[in-house]
Protein backbone atom coordinates (compact mmCIF):
# COMPACT_ATOMS: atom_id res chain seq x y z
CA MET A 1 0.00 0.00 0.00
CA ALA A 2 1.39 3.40 -0.98
CA PRO A 3 1.84 6.01 1.76
CA ARG A 4 -0.99 8.49 1.98
CA GLU A 5 -0.15 12.09 1.18
CA ILE A 6 -1.88 15.43 1.81
CA ARG A 7 -1.03 18.44 -0.34
CA SER A 8 -2.42 21.73 0.85
CA LYS A 9 -1.82 25.47 1.07
CA TYR A 10 -1.77 27.59 4.23
CA ARG A 11 -1.08 31.34 4.37
CA GLY A 12 0.19 31.22 0.81
CA VAL A 13 2.63 28.37 1.53
CA ARG A 14 2.18 25.00 -0.15
CA PHE A 15 2.97 22.03 2.07
CA ILE A 16 2.96 18.24 1.92
CA VAL A 17 2.22 15.79 4.75
CA CYS A 18 2.79 12.08 4.22
CA GLU A 19 3.06 8.93 6.29
CA SER A 20 6.55 8.03 7.40
CA ASP A 21 8.04 4.56 7.09
CA GLU A 22 7.90 4.38 10.87
CA PRO A 23 4.46 3.57 12.30
CA GLY A 24 2.91 6.46 14.20
CA PHE A 25 4.91 9.18 12.45
CA TYR A 26 4.21 11.62 9.64
CA ARG A 27 6.62 13.81 7.68
CA PHE A 28 5.94 17.28 6.35
CA SER A 29 7.77 19.71 4.10
CA PHE A 30 7.31 23.21 2.75
CA ARG A 31 9.35 25.98 1.19
CA ILE A 32 9.40 29.65 2.13
CA GLY A 33 11.64 31.63 -0.19
CA ASP A 34 14.91 29.73 -0.51
CA ASP A 35 14.39 27.84 2.76
CA LEU A 36 13.19 24.25 2.60
CA VAL A 37 11.70 23.11 5.90
CA GLU A 38 11.18 19.43 6.66
CA GLY A 39 9.84 17.92 9.82
CA LYS A 40 8.58 14.79 11.46
CA VAL A 41 5.68 14.56 13.88
CA ARG A 42 4.57 11.75 16.11
CA THR A 43 0.87 11.12 15.69
CA THR A 44 -1.45 8.49 14.29
CA LEU A 45 -3.92 11.09 13.04
CA GLU A 46 -3.36 12.53 9.59
CA GLY A 47 -5.30 15.70 10.43
CA MET A 48 -3.15 16.37 13.49
CA ALA A 49 -0.01 16.05 11.37
CA ALA A 50 -1.40 18.71 9.01
CA ILE A 51 -2.14 21.02 11.96
CA ARG A 52 1.43 20.66 13.21
CA ALA A 53 2.75 21.43 9.73
CA ARG A 54 0.65 24.62 9.74
CA ARG A 55 2.11 25.59 13.12
CA ALA A 56 5.62 25.13 11.71
CA ILE A 57 4.66 27.42 8.80
CA VAL A 58 3.49 30.11 11.23
CA ARG A 59 6.75 29.85 13.22
CA LYS A 60 8.84 30.15 10.06
CA LEU A 61 6.81 33.11 8.79
CA LYS A 62 7.30 34.90 12.12
CA GLN A 63 11.07 34.40 11.83
CA LYS A 64 11.02 35.95 8.36
CA GLN A 65 9.12 39.10 9.44
CA PRO A 66 11.25 42.23 9.67
CA THR A 67 11.35 43.74 13.14
């Protein structure tokens, strides 16, 4: 069975969430400018993995904001 994948867009940033090879983990990735961000979250719920990817996007966007 092929790993399930979610492709979505949040705050203008396209991201991908897919099942990891390890049970109970999901991987996500997105790009903001030249920065590629990849992460791994521990959850069995696909929707929760997408929420955590969105949180990572918000954190990265806050880092990019000029002060």
